[in-house]
N, C-alpha and C. Protein backbone atom coordinates (compact mmCIF):
# COMPACT_ATOMS: atom_id res chain seq x y z
N UNK A 1 86.41 9.64 57.22
CA UNK A 1 85.78 9.61 58.52
C UNK A 1 84.53 10.48 58.48
N UNK A 2 83.45 9.97 59.08
CA UNK A 2 82.19 10.69 59.15
C UNK A 2 82.01 11.22 60.57
N UNK A 3 81.34 12.38 60.66
CA UNK A 3 81.19 13.04 61.96
C UNK A 3 79.73 13.38 62.24
N UNK A 4 79.44 13.57 63.52
CA UNK A 4 78.25 14.27 63.97
C UNK A 4 78.77 15.32 64.94
N UNK A 5 78.39 16.55 64.69
CA UNK A 5 78.81 17.66 65.54
C UNK A 5 77.62 18.15 66.33
N UNK A 6 77.82 18.40 67.61
CA UNK A 6 76.70 18.90 68.41
C UNK A 6 76.52 20.40 68.20
N UNK A 7 75.53 20.95 68.86
CA UNK A 7 75.12 22.34 68.61
C UNK A 7 76.19 23.37 68.92
N UNK A 8 77.25 22.98 69.61
CA UNK A 8 78.31 23.92 69.96
C UNK A 8 79.31 24.11 68.82
N UNK A 9 79.16 23.36 67.73
CA UNK A 9 80.17 23.37 66.67
C UNK A 9 79.58 23.60 65.28
N UNK A 10 78.64 24.52 65.16
CA UNK A 10 78.01 24.79 63.87
C UNK A 10 78.98 25.32 62.83
N UNK A 11 79.83 26.27 63.20
CA UNK A 11 80.79 26.84 62.24
C UNK A 11 81.81 25.79 61.81
N UNK A 12 82.25 24.98 62.75
CA UNK A 12 83.19 23.92 62.40
C UNK A 12 82.54 22.93 61.44
N UNK A 13 81.26 22.60 61.67
CA UNK A 13 80.54 21.68 60.78
C UNK A 13 80.58 22.18 59.35
N UNK A 14 80.28 23.44 59.18
CA UNK A 14 80.25 24.03 57.84
C UNK A 14 81.64 24.02 57.19
N UNK A 15 82.65 24.35 57.96
CA UNK A 15 84.02 24.34 57.42
C UNK A 15 84.45 22.93 57.02
N UNK A 16 84.10 21.95 57.85
CA UNK A 16 84.45 20.57 57.51
C UNK A 16 83.71 20.11 56.26
N UNK A 17 82.46 20.51 56.10
CA UNK A 17 81.72 20.19 54.87
C UNK A 17 82.39 20.84 53.67
N UNK A 18 82.85 22.07 53.83
CA UNK A 18 83.56 22.75 52.75
C UNK A 18 84.77 21.93 52.32
N UNK A 19 85.42 21.29 53.27
CA UNK A 19 86.61 20.48 52.98
C UNK A 19 86.24 19.10 52.43
N UNK A 20 84.95 18.78 52.39
CA UNK A 20 84.51 17.52 51.81
C UNK A 20 84.19 16.43 52.81
N UNK A 21 84.19 16.75 54.10
CA UNK A 21 83.88 15.74 55.11
C UNK A 21 82.38 15.64 55.34
N UNK A 22 81.92 14.42 55.60
CA UNK A 22 80.52 14.12 55.87
C UNK A 22 80.24 14.46 57.33
N UNK A 23 79.50 15.57 57.56
CA UNK A 23 79.26 16.05 58.92
C UNK A 23 77.77 16.30 59.12
N UNK A 24 77.16 15.51 60.00
CA UNK A 24 75.79 15.75 60.42
C UNK A 24 75.87 16.75 61.56
N UNK A 25 75.11 17.84 61.43
CA UNK A 25 75.07 18.84 62.48
C UNK A 25 73.81 18.62 63.31
N UNK A 26 74.00 18.29 64.58
CA UNK A 26 72.86 18.08 65.47
C UNK A 26 72.66 19.35 66.28
N UNK A 27 71.62 20.10 65.95
CA UNK A 27 71.39 21.39 66.60
C UNK A 27 70.52 21.29 67.85
N UNK A 28 70.10 20.08 68.19
CA UNK A 28 69.31 19.90 69.40
C UNK A 28 70.16 20.18 70.63
N UNK A 29 69.52 20.31 71.77
CA UNK A 29 70.23 20.69 72.97
C UNK A 29 70.83 19.54 73.76
N UNK A 30 70.64 18.32 73.30
CA UNK A 30 71.01 17.17 74.09
C UNK A 30 72.19 16.43 73.47
N UNK A 31 73.33 16.45 74.14
CA UNK A 31 74.52 15.75 73.63
C UNK A 31 74.29 14.24 73.58
N UNK A 32 73.41 13.74 74.44
CA UNK A 32 73.09 12.30 74.43
C UNK A 32 72.52 11.89 73.08
N UNK A 33 71.65 12.71 72.51
CA UNK A 33 71.07 12.38 71.20
C UNK A 33 72.13 12.40 70.11
N UNK A 34 73.03 13.38 70.16
CA UNK A 34 74.12 13.43 69.18
C UNK A 34 75.01 12.19 69.32
N UNK A 35 75.24 11.76 70.55
CA UNK A 35 76.04 10.55 70.79
C UNK A 35 75.34 9.31 70.24
N UNK A 36 74.02 9.26 70.37
CA UNK A 36 73.26 8.12 69.83
C UNK A 36 73.38 8.07 68.31
N UNK A 37 73.34 9.24 67.67
CA UNK A 37 73.52 9.30 66.21
C UNK A 37 74.91 8.79 65.85
N UNK A 38 75.92 9.23 66.60
CA UNK A 38 77.29 8.80 66.34
C UNK A 38 77.41 7.28 66.46
N UNK A 39 76.83 6.73 67.51
CA UNK A 39 76.90 5.29 67.73
C UNK A 39 76.14 4.53 66.65
N UNK A 40 74.93 4.97 66.34
CA UNK A 40 74.06 4.28 65.37
C UNK A 40 74.64 4.32 63.95
N UNK A 41 75.24 5.48 63.57
CA UNK A 41 75.71 5.66 62.19
C UNK A 41 77.21 5.48 62.03
N UNK A 42 77.90 5.08 63.08
CA UNK A 42 79.34 4.88 62.99
C UNK A 42 80.10 6.18 62.74
N UNK A 43 79.64 7.24 63.35
CA UNK A 43 80.26 8.56 63.20
C UNK A 43 81.07 8.89 64.45
N UNK A 44 81.98 9.81 64.28
CA UNK A 44 82.75 10.34 65.40
C UNK A 44 82.02 11.59 65.91
N UNK A 45 81.71 11.62 67.20
CA UNK A 45 81.05 12.77 67.80
C UNK A 45 82.06 13.88 68.05
N UNK A 46 81.74 15.07 67.57
CA UNK A 46 82.55 16.26 67.85
C UNK A 46 81.74 17.12 68.81
N UNK A 47 82.35 17.48 69.92
CA UNK A 47 81.66 18.27 70.94
C UNK A 47 82.65 19.13 71.69
N UNK A 48 82.15 20.17 72.31
CA UNK A 48 82.97 20.98 73.21
C UNK A 48 82.66 20.62 74.66
N UNK A 49 81.65 19.80 74.84
CA UNK A 49 81.23 19.40 76.19
C UNK A 49 82.19 18.35 76.75
N UNK A 50 82.48 18.48 78.01
CA UNK A 50 83.31 17.48 78.69
C UNK A 50 82.45 16.43 79.37
N UNK A 51 81.14 16.54 79.22
CA UNK A 51 80.20 15.58 79.81
C UNK A 51 79.74 14.61 78.74
N UNK A 52 80.50 13.56 78.54
CA UNK A 52 80.14 12.54 77.55
C UNK A 52 79.09 11.64 78.19
N UNK A 53 77.94 11.51 77.53
CA UNK A 53 76.84 10.76 78.14
C UNK A 53 77.15 9.28 78.30
N UNK A 54 76.85 8.74 79.48
CA UNK A 54 77.04 7.30 79.70
C UNK A 54 75.89 6.50 79.11
N UNK A 55 76.13 5.22 78.90
CA UNK A 55 75.06 4.32 78.51
C UNK A 55 74.60 4.41 77.07
N UNK A 56 75.33 5.12 76.22
CA UNK A 56 74.93 5.24 74.82
C UNK A 56 75.45 4.04 74.02
N UNK A 57 76.55 3.50 74.44
CA UNK A 57 77.19 2.42 73.70
C UNK A 57 78.55 2.88 73.22
N UNK A 58 79.19 2.05 72.44
CA UNK A 58 80.52 2.37 71.94
C UNK A 58 80.45 3.36 70.79
N UNK A 59 81.21 4.43 70.87
CA UNK A 59 81.35 5.38 69.78
C UNK A 59 82.61 6.20 70.01
N UNK A 60 83.13 6.70 68.92
CA UNK A 60 84.33 7.53 69.00
C UNK A 60 83.89 8.98 69.19
N UNK A 61 84.67 9.74 69.96
CA UNK A 61 84.36 11.15 70.15
C UNK A 61 85.64 11.96 70.31
N UNK A 62 85.52 13.24 70.00
CA UNK A 62 86.62 14.19 70.20
C UNK A 62 86.03 15.40 70.92
N UNK A 63 86.65 15.77 72.01
CA UNK A 63 86.28 17.00 72.70
C UNK A 63 87.14 18.10 72.10
N UNK A 64 86.50 19.04 71.44
CA UNK A 64 87.19 20.13 70.76
C UNK A 64 87.43 21.25 71.77
N UNK A 65 88.69 21.59 71.96
CA UNK A 65 89.07 22.58 72.97
C UNK A 65 89.16 24.00 72.40
N UNK A 66 89.55 24.13 71.15
CA UNK A 66 89.77 25.45 70.55
C UNK A 66 88.45 26.19 70.33
N UNK A 67 88.52 27.52 70.30
CA UNK A 67 87.34 28.36 70.06
C UNK A 67 87.17 28.75 68.61
N UNK A 68 88.26 29.07 67.94
CA UNK A 68 88.22 29.54 66.56
C UNK A 68 88.08 28.34 65.61
N UNK A 69 87.14 28.40 64.65
CA UNK A 69 86.94 27.26 63.74
C UNK A 69 88.21 26.86 62.98
N UNK A 70 89.05 27.80 62.61
CA UNK A 70 90.30 27.44 61.91
C UNK A 70 91.21 26.63 62.83
N UNK A 71 91.30 27.06 64.07
CA UNK A 71 92.12 26.31 65.04
C UNK A 71 91.47 24.98 65.39
N UNK A 72 90.14 24.93 65.36
CA UNK A 72 89.45 23.67 65.60
C UNK A 72 89.79 22.65 64.51
N UNK A 73 89.89 23.12 63.27
CA UNK A 73 90.28 22.23 62.17
C UNK A 73 91.69 21.71 62.41
N UNK A 74 92.60 22.59 62.77
CA UNK A 74 93.97 22.17 63.07
C UNK A 74 93.98 21.14 64.20
N UNK A 75 93.17 21.39 65.22
CA UNK A 75 93.09 20.47 66.35
C UNK A 75 92.61 19.08 65.89
N UNK A 76 91.56 19.05 65.06
CA UNK A 76 91.06 17.76 64.58
C UNK A 76 92.09 17.01 63.75
N UNK A 77 92.80 17.73 62.90
CA UNK A 77 93.82 17.08 62.08
C UNK A 77 94.99 16.58 62.94
N UNK A 78 95.22 17.22 64.08
CA UNK A 78 96.26 16.76 64.99
C UNK A 78 95.80 15.53 65.79
N UNK A 79 94.52 15.47 66.13
CA UNK A 79 93.99 14.40 66.97
C UNK A 79 93.54 13.17 66.21
N UNK A 80 93.18 13.35 64.93
CA UNK A 80 92.61 12.25 64.15
C UNK A 80 93.44 11.99 62.90
N UNK A 81 93.36 10.78 62.37
CA UNK A 81 94.10 10.47 61.13
C UNK A 81 93.34 10.96 59.89
N UNK A 82 93.25 12.26 59.74
CA UNK A 82 92.51 12.86 58.63
C UNK A 82 93.47 13.26 57.52
N UNK A 83 92.98 13.14 56.29
CA UNK A 83 93.73 13.60 55.12
C UNK A 83 92.81 14.51 54.33
N UNK A 84 93.37 15.57 53.83
CA UNK A 84 92.61 16.51 53.03
C UNK A 84 92.94 16.27 51.56
N UNK A 85 91.91 16.05 50.76
CA UNK A 85 92.09 15.84 49.32
C UNK A 85 91.48 17.01 48.58
N UNK A 86 92.27 17.67 47.76
CA UNK A 86 91.80 18.87 47.07
C UNK A 86 90.56 18.60 46.23
N UNK A 87 90.45 17.39 45.67
CA UNK A 87 89.29 17.07 44.83
C UNK A 87 87.99 16.97 45.65
N UNK A 88 88.10 16.87 46.96
CA UNK A 88 86.90 16.79 47.81
C UNK A 88 86.41 18.15 48.29
N UNK A 89 87.24 19.17 48.15
CA UNK A 89 86.85 20.51 48.60
C UNK A 89 85.65 20.97 47.78
N UNK A 90 84.66 21.51 48.45
CA UNK A 90 83.40 21.96 47.84
C UNK A 90 82.65 20.83 47.15
N UNK A 91 82.70 19.63 47.71
CA UNK A 91 81.99 18.50 47.12
C UNK A 91 80.68 18.18 47.85
N UNK A 92 80.40 18.89 48.96
CA UNK A 92 79.19 18.64 49.74
C UNK A 92 78.41 19.93 49.90
N UNK A 93 77.10 19.80 50.05
CA UNK A 93 76.26 20.97 50.31
C UNK A 93 76.59 21.50 51.71
N UNK A 94 76.81 22.79 51.80
CA UNK A 94 77.15 23.39 53.08
C UNK A 94 75.97 23.39 54.05
N UNK A 95 74.76 23.34 53.51
CA UNK A 95 73.56 23.36 54.35
C UNK A 95 73.06 21.96 54.68
N UNK A 96 73.01 21.08 53.68
CA UNK A 96 72.38 19.76 53.83
C UNK A 96 73.37 18.62 54.06
N UNK A 97 74.62 18.83 53.75
CA UNK A 97 75.66 17.81 53.86
C UNK A 97 75.60 16.77 52.74
N UNK A 98 74.71 16.91 51.78
CA UNK A 98 74.59 15.95 50.68
C UNK A 98 75.77 16.12 49.71
N UNK A 99 76.24 15.03 49.11
CA UNK A 99 77.23 15.17 48.04
C UNK A 99 76.60 15.91 46.87
N UNK A 100 77.35 16.84 46.31
CA UNK A 100 76.85 17.65 45.20
C UNK A 100 76.90 16.87 43.90
N UNK A 101 75.99 17.20 43.00
CA UNK A 101 75.93 16.59 41.67
C UNK A 101 76.28 17.65 40.63
N UNK A 102 77.06 17.25 39.64
CA UNK A 102 77.41 18.18 38.57
C UNK A 102 76.18 18.47 37.72
N UNK A 103 76.05 19.73 37.32
CA UNK A 103 74.93 20.15 36.49
C UNK A 103 75.44 20.67 35.15
N UNK A 104 74.79 20.31 34.05
CA UNK A 104 75.13 20.96 32.78
C UNK A 104 74.80 22.45 32.87
N UNK A 105 75.61 23.26 32.25
CA UNK A 105 75.42 24.70 32.31
C UNK A 105 74.02 25.11 31.86
N UNK A 106 73.51 24.48 30.85
CA UNK A 106 72.19 24.84 30.32
C UNK A 106 71.09 24.72 31.37
N UNK A 107 71.26 23.81 32.34
CA UNK A 107 70.23 23.60 33.36
C UNK A 107 70.18 24.70 34.41
N UNK A 108 71.21 25.53 34.50
CA UNK A 108 71.20 26.57 35.53
C UNK A 108 70.76 27.93 34.99
N UNK A 109 70.58 28.02 33.69
CA UNK A 109 70.15 29.30 33.10
C UNK A 109 68.82 29.72 33.73
N UNK A 110 68.77 30.96 34.20
CA UNK A 110 67.58 31.48 34.86
C UNK A 110 67.51 31.14 36.34
N UNK A 111 68.39 30.25 36.80
CA UNK A 111 68.40 29.86 38.21
C UNK A 111 69.54 30.53 38.98
N UNK A 112 70.48 31.10 38.25
CA UNK A 112 71.59 31.85 38.85
C UNK A 112 71.60 33.24 38.20
N UNK A 113 72.21 34.22 38.85
CA UNK A 113 72.29 35.54 38.20
C UNK A 113 72.93 35.45 36.82
N UNK A 114 72.49 36.30 35.90
CA UNK A 114 72.99 36.27 34.52
C UNK A 114 74.50 36.39 34.43
N UNK A 115 75.09 37.28 35.22
CA UNK A 115 76.55 37.45 35.13
C UNK A 115 77.28 36.19 35.60
N UNK A 116 76.71 35.46 36.55
CA UNK A 116 77.29 34.19 37.01
C UNK A 116 77.19 33.16 35.88
N UNK A 117 76.04 33.10 35.24
CA UNK A 117 75.84 32.16 34.14
C UNK A 117 76.85 32.41 33.01
N UNK A 118 77.08 33.68 32.70
CA UNK A 118 78.03 34.01 31.62
C UNK A 118 79.48 33.76 32.03
N UNK A 119 79.80 33.97 33.30
CA UNK A 119 81.18 33.93 33.77
C UNK A 119 81.71 32.53 34.03
N UNK A 120 80.85 31.61 34.48
CA UNK A 120 81.32 30.29 34.90
C UNK A 120 80.79 29.18 34.00
N UNK A 121 81.57 28.11 33.91
CA UNK A 121 81.20 26.95 33.10
C UNK A 121 80.81 25.74 33.94
N UNK A 122 81.27 25.70 35.18
CA UNK A 122 81.07 24.53 36.04
C UNK A 122 80.04 24.86 37.12
N UNK A 123 79.02 24.00 37.24
CA UNK A 123 77.99 24.18 38.25
C UNK A 123 77.66 22.84 38.90
N UNK A 124 77.30 22.90 40.18
CA UNK A 124 76.89 21.72 40.93
C UNK A 124 75.64 22.09 41.73
N UNK A 125 74.85 21.08 42.07
CA UNK A 125 73.67 21.36 42.89
C UNK A 125 73.51 20.28 43.95
N UNK A 126 72.78 20.66 44.98
CA UNK A 126 72.44 19.73 46.05
C UNK A 126 71.16 19.01 45.66
N UNK A 127 71.17 17.68 45.64
CA UNK A 127 69.95 16.96 45.28
C UNK A 127 68.83 17.11 46.32
N UNK A 128 69.16 17.50 47.55
CA UNK A 128 68.14 17.65 48.58
C UNK A 128 67.51 19.04 48.57
N UNK A 129 68.34 20.08 48.69
CA UNK A 129 67.77 21.44 48.82
C UNK A 129 67.80 22.23 47.51
N UNK A 130 68.41 21.67 46.47
CA UNK A 130 68.46 22.28 45.14
C UNK A 130 69.35 23.53 45.07
N UNK A 131 70.11 23.81 46.11
CA UNK A 131 71.02 24.96 46.08
C UNK A 131 72.07 24.73 44.99
N UNK A 132 72.43 25.79 44.27
CA UNK A 132 73.39 25.70 43.17
C UNK A 132 74.71 26.33 43.59
N UNK A 133 75.79 25.64 43.26
CA UNK A 133 77.14 26.10 43.59
C UNK A 133 77.95 26.26 42.31
N UNK A 134 78.92 27.19 42.35
CA UNK A 134 79.85 27.39 41.24
C UNK A 134 81.19 27.83 41.83
N UNK A 135 82.28 27.65 41.09
CA UNK A 135 83.62 27.96 41.62
C UNK A 135 83.93 29.46 41.56
N UNK A 136 83.25 30.23 42.37
CA UNK A 136 83.44 31.68 42.38
C UNK A 136 84.63 32.10 43.21
N UNK A 137 84.59 33.33 43.63
CA UNK A 137 85.71 33.89 44.40
C UNK A 137 85.90 33.16 45.73
N UNK A 138 84.84 32.52 46.24
CA UNK A 138 84.96 31.78 47.49
C UNK A 138 85.97 30.64 47.37
N UNK A 139 86.13 30.09 46.18
CA UNK A 139 87.09 28.99 45.97
C UNK A 139 88.51 29.48 46.23
N UNK A 140 88.86 30.63 45.69
CA UNK A 140 90.20 31.18 45.91
C UNK A 140 90.39 31.59 47.37
N UNK A 141 89.34 32.15 47.97
CA UNK A 141 89.42 32.53 49.38
C UNK A 141 89.66 31.29 50.25
N UNK A 142 88.98 30.19 49.92
CA UNK A 142 89.15 28.97 50.69
C UNK A 142 90.56 28.41 50.52
N UNK A 143 91.11 28.48 49.33
CA UNK A 143 92.48 28.01 49.12
C UNK A 143 93.46 28.82 49.97
N UNK A 144 93.25 30.14 50.05
CA UNK A 144 94.11 30.99 50.88
C UNK A 144 93.93 30.65 52.36
N UNK A 145 92.68 30.41 52.75
CA UNK A 145 92.42 30.05 54.14
C UNK A 145 93.07 28.72 54.49
N UNK A 146 93.01 27.75 53.58
CA UNK A 146 93.65 26.46 53.81
C UNK A 146 95.15 26.60 53.96
N UNK A 147 95.73 27.47 53.15
CA UNK A 147 97.17 27.71 53.27
C UNK A 147 97.50 28.28 54.65
N UNK A 148 96.64 29.14 55.17
CA UNK A 148 96.85 29.69 56.52
C UNK A 148 96.67 28.61 57.59
N UNK A 149 95.67 27.77 57.40
CA UNK A 149 95.38 26.72 58.39
C UNK A 149 96.48 25.67 58.41
N UNK A 150 96.85 25.20 57.24
CA UNK A 150 97.77 24.08 57.15
C UNK A 150 99.21 24.48 56.83
N UNK A 151 99.42 25.71 56.37
CA UNK A 151 100.76 26.13 56.00
C UNK A 151 101.31 25.24 54.92
N UNK A 152 102.53 24.87 55.07
CA UNK A 152 103.18 23.99 54.10
C UNK A 152 103.02 22.53 54.49
N UNK A 153 102.09 22.26 55.37
CA UNK A 153 101.88 20.91 55.88
C UNK A 153 101.44 19.99 54.76
N UNK A 154 101.67 18.69 54.92
CA UNK A 154 101.35 17.72 53.88
C UNK A 154 99.91 17.23 53.95
N UNK A 155 99.04 17.90 54.66
CA UNK A 155 97.63 17.46 54.76
C UNK A 155 96.87 17.71 53.47
N UNK A 156 97.33 18.67 52.66
CA UNK A 156 96.61 19.02 51.44
C UNK A 156 97.12 18.18 50.28
């Protein structure tokens, strides 16, 4: 499932991207524009607003009630038929939403700190913004956070 999140859900957008979901973050002030993107691109609109704009056309939306991004993720998994696949975690750029491309280690030399280059073998980059990612300590932190979010649930 693909999403467009309005300006009220920036942290949730980033967390969903971390989990591998395709999330366009609309930072503009108008929920109507975010709804038009959802309708045009076949995305589900995520918003905290209870004022869903009329006249946009048919589109799916979820009004997110929770405040904490972790609880927002739980809420979405309860409201929507979402499945979490471990192989999709960290597969998208957190800034651009683009799917990441694997990079040969030799191509990142001089582009990442030396200790990172020596320590890790696997690297990915965003084809749009050129940001480089590697499976550092954030990977283990995310696994622990997922365990807290989902517990022993079968979503993972």
